[in-house]
Amino acid sequence: LVPPLLAAGAGHRHWTLIMHEQEDEFSKSSKTGVFDESLILDLDKYHFLAPALAKLVADRALAAPLIDLPPGRLSHVLASIGSWLGMSPSSLLYQLRHSGPSIDFAD
């Protein structure tokens, strides 16, 4: 997760999530074999995330995981969120995985 770098110019004003970084020969690619995919949170509808992202990275070591939960615990947290929203856990996970492109296309 890369914070805005205002001194670097206009192209670096937004939070960016880099996935599957290729750091060495042991790095793991995405399921499609791609490294260094990035997601720039540059749409106005995502600006509300900035304070939460700043807090998320504020007191963490540079190489520490963003969310330090074992997979089973993360599944439990997501299932609880889905239940609170009135969704089944499987539909919540499907929505998380596939809604981004649909939302962007709908806009």
C-alpha atoms as a PDB file:
ATOM      1  CA  LEU A   1       0.000   0.000   0.000  1.00  0.00           C
ATOM      2  CA  VAL A   2       1.645   3.218  -1.166  1.00  0.00           C
ATOM      3  CA  PRO A   3       0.481   6.524   0.320  1.00  0.00           C
ATOM      4  CA  PRO A   4       0.126   9.681  -1.761  1.00  0.00           C
ATOM      5  CA  LEU A   5       3.505  11.220  -2.584  1.00  0.00           C
ATOM      6  CA  LEU A   6       2.586  14.865  -3.059  1.00  0.00           C
ATOM      7  CA  ALA A   7       6.181  15.992  -3.675  1.00  0.00           C
ATOM      8  CA  ALA A   8       6.404  13.536  -6.597  1.00  0.00           C
ATOM      9  CA  GLY A   9       3.828  15.410  -8.672  1.00  0.00           C
ATOM     10  CA  ALA A  10       0.214  15.170  -9.796  1.00  0.00           C
ATOM     11  CA  GLY A  11       0.465  11.517 -10.822  1.00  0.00           C
ATOM     12  CA  HIS A  12       1.128  10.456  -7.244  1.00  0.00           C
ATOM     13  CA  ARG A  13      -1.703  12.166  -5.338  1.00  0.00           C
ATOM     14  CA  HIS A  14      -3.661   8.995  -4.561  1.00  0.00           C
ATOM     15  CA  TRP A  15      -3.299   5.855  -2.488  1.00  0.00           C
ATOM     16  CA  THR A  16      -2.117   2.889  -4.558  1.00  0.00           C
ATOM     17  CA  LEU A  17      -2.304  -0.811  -3.809  1.00  0.00           C
ATOM     18  CA  ILE A  18       0.430  -2.889  -5.443  1.00  0.00           C
ATOM     19  CA  MET A  19      -0.286  -6.599  -5.626  1.00  0.00           C
ATOM     20  CA  HIS A  20       2.085  -9.471  -6.331  1.00  0.00           C
ATOM     21  CA  GLU A  21       5.281  -7.457  -6.115  1.00  0.00           C
ATOM     22  CA  GLN A  22       8.197  -9.050  -7.885  1.00  0.00           C
ATOM     23  CA  GLU A  23      11.023  -8.606  -5.411  1.00  0.00           C
ATOM     24  CA  ASP A  24      13.123 -11.701  -6.115  1.00  0.00           C
ATOM     25  CA  GLU A  25      13.021 -15.132  -7.739  1.00  0.00           C
ATOM     26  CA  PHE A  26      10.794 -16.425  -4.907  1.00  0.00           C
ATOM     27  CA  SER A  27       8.008 -13.879  -5.478  1.00  0.00           C
ATOM     28  CA  LYS A  28       4.602 -15.306  -6.361  1.00  0.00           C
ATOM     29  CA  SER A  29       2.651 -14.019  -9.337  1.00  0.00           C
ATOM     30  CA  SER A  30      -1.111 -13.657  -9.568  1.00  0.00           C
ATOM     31  CA  LYS A  31      -3.161 -16.590 -10.853  1.00  0.00           C
ATOM     32  CA  THR A  32      -2.787 -15.128 -14.360  1.00  0.00           C
ATOM     33  CA  GLY A  33       1.020 -14.995 -14.032  1.00  0.00           C
ATOM     34  CA  VAL A  34       1.259 -11.226 -13.595  1.00  0.00           C
ATOM     35  CA  PHE A  35       3.511  -9.322 -11.195  1.00  0.00           C
ATOM     36  CA  ASP A  36       3.289  -5.735  -9.930  1.00  0.00           C
ATOM     37  CA  GLU A  37      -0.391  -5.130 -10.581  1.00  0.00           C
ATOM     38  CA  SER A  38      -1.517  -1.791  -9.182  1.00  0.00           C
ATOM     39  CA  LEU A  39      -4.849  -0.365  -8.194  1.00  0.00           C
ATOM     40  CA  ILE A  40      -4.894   3.437  -7.936  1.00  0.00           C
ATOM     41  CA  LEU A  41      -7.686   4.777  -5.731  1.00  0.00           C
ATOM     42  CA  ASP A  42      -8.116   7.922  -7.809  1.00  0.00           C
ATOM     43  CA  LEU A  43     -11.897   8.051  -8.182  1.00  0.00           C
ATOM     44  CA  ASP A  44     -13.714  10.614  -6.034  1.00  0.00           C
ATOM     45  CA  LYS A  45     -15.974   7.915  -4.603  1.00  0.00           C
ATOM     46  CA  TYR A  46     -12.936   6.287  -2.937  1.00  0.00           C
ATOM     47  CA  HIS A  47     -11.510   9.400  -1.245  1.00  0.00           C
ATOM     48  CA  PHE A  48     -13.329   8.535   1.989  1.00  0.00           C
ATOM     49  CA  LEU A  49     -10.855   5.653   2.386  1.00  0.00           C
ATOM     50  CA  ALA A  50      -7.827   7.946   2.811  1.00  0.00           C
ATOM     51  CA  PRO A  51      -8.092   8.455   6.616  1.00  0.00           C
ATOM     52  CA  ALA A  52      -8.606   4.721   7.221  1.00  0.00           C
ATOM     53  CA  LEU A  53      -5.663   3.797   4.984  1.00  0.00           C
ATOM     54  CA  ALA A  54      -3.443   6.358   6.720  1.00  0.00           C
ATOM     55  CA  LYS A  55      -4.361   4.855  10.081  1.00  0.00           C
ATOM     56  CA  LEU A  56      -3.783   1.330   8.768  1.00  0.00           C
ATOM     57  CA  VAL A  57      -0.167   2.089   7.815  1.00  0.00           C
ATOM     58  CA  ALA A  58       0.682   4.632  10.544  1.00  0.00           C
ATOM     59  CA  ASP A  59       2.091   2.320  13.202  1.00  0.00           C
ATOM     60  CA  ARG A  60       3.139  -0.694  11.214  1.00  0.00           C
ATOM     61  CA  ALA A  61       6.563  -1.867  10.121  1.00  0.00           C
ATOM     62  CA  LEU A  62       7.275  -1.416   6.429  1.00  0.00           C
ATOM     63  CA  ALA A  63       7.312  -5.159   5.664  1.00  0.00           C
ATOM     64  CA  ALA A  64       4.438  -6.081   8.008  1.00  0.00           C
ATOM     65  CA  PRO A  65       1.211  -7.441   6.481  1.00  0.00           C
ATOM     66  CA  LEU A  66      -1.628  -4.932   6.108  1.00  0.00           C
ATOM     67  CA  ILE A  67      -4.096  -7.297   7.717  1.00  0.00           C
ATOM     68  CA  ASP A  68      -2.376  -9.674  10.093  1.00  0.00           C
ATOM     69  CA  LEU A  69      -5.076 -12.298  10.492  1.00  0.00           C
ATOM     70  CA  PRO A  70      -4.806 -16.022   9.830  1.00  0.00           C
ATOM     71  CA  PRO A  71      -7.001 -17.035   6.846  1.00  0.00           C
ATOM     72  CA  GLY A  72      -9.515 -18.835   9.080  1.00  0.00           C
ATOM     73  CA  ARG A  73      -9.977 -15.755  11.267  1.00  0.00           C
ATOM     74  CA  LEU A  74     -10.310 -13.487   8.211  1.00  0.00           C
ATOM     75  CA  SER A  75     -13.010 -15.816   6.840  1.00  0.00           C
ATOM     76  CA  HIS A  76     -14.831 -15.579  10.171  1.00  0.00           C
ATOM     77  CA  VAL A  77     -14.633 -11.751  10.141  1.00  0.00           C
ATOM     78  CA  LEU A  78     -15.949 -11.619   6.555  1.00  0.00           C
ATOM     79  CA  ALA A  79     -18.753 -14.048   7.420  1.00  0.00           C
ATOM     80  CA  SER A  80     -19.732 -11.822  10.369  1.00  0.00           C
ATOM     81  CA  ILE A  81     -19.795  -8.770   8.112  1.00  0.00           C
ATOM     82  CA  GLY A  82     -21.908 -10.658   5.564  1.00  0.00           C
ATOM     83  CA  SER A  83     -24.330 -11.750   8.255  1.00  0.00           C
ATOM     84  CA  TRP A  84     -24.604  -8.168   9.514  1.00  0.00           C
ATOM     85  CA  LEU A  85     -25.381  -7.077   5.937  1.00  0.00           C
ATOM     86  CA  GLY A  86     -27.903  -9.888   5.498  1.00  0.00           C
ATOM     87  CA  MET A  87     -25.757 -11.733   2.958  1.00  0.00           C
ATOM     88  CA  SER A  88     -24.566 -15.318   2.919  1.00  0.00           C
ATOM     89  CA  PRO A  89     -20.787 -15.676   3.310  1.00  0.00           C
ATOM     90  CA  SER A  90     -20.418 -17.093  -0.198  1.00  0.00           C
ATOM     91  CA  SER A  91     -22.339 -14.222  -1.797  1.00  0.00           C
ATOM     92  CA  LEU A  92     -20.257 -11.684   0.139  1.00  0.00           C
ATOM     93  CA  LEU A  93     -16.996 -13.200  -1.091  1.00  0.00           C
ATOM     94  CA  TYR A  94     -18.360 -13.314  -4.667  1.00  0.00           C
ATOM     95  CA  GLN A  95     -19.409  -9.662  -4.396  1.00  0.00           C
ATOM     96  CA  LEU A  96     -15.997  -8.621  -3.052  1.00  0.00           C
ATOM     97  CA  ARG A  97     -14.236 -10.416  -5.865  1.00  0.00           C
ATOM     98  CA  HIS A  98     -16.408  -9.316  -8.794  1.00  0.00           C
ATOM     99  CA  SER A  99     -18.115  -6.033  -7.930  1.00  0.00           C
ATOM    100  CA  GLY A 100     -15.275  -3.615  -8.717  1.00  0.00           C
ATOM    101  CA  PRO A 101     -15.407  -3.875 -12.514  1.00  0.00           C
ATOM    102  CA  SER A 102     -19.212  -3.848 -12.427  1.00  0.00           C
ATOM    103  CA  ILE A 103     -19.317  -0.703 -10.310  1.00  0.00           C
ATOM    104  CA  ASP A 104     -16.734   1.058 -12.492  1.00  0.00           C
ATOM    105  CA  PHE A 105     -18.630   0.051 -15.655  1.00  0.00           C
ATOM    106  CA  ALA A 106     -21.961   1.244 -14.214  1.00  0.00           C
ATOM    107  CA  ASP A 107     -20.522   4.691 -13.500  1.00  0.00           C
END
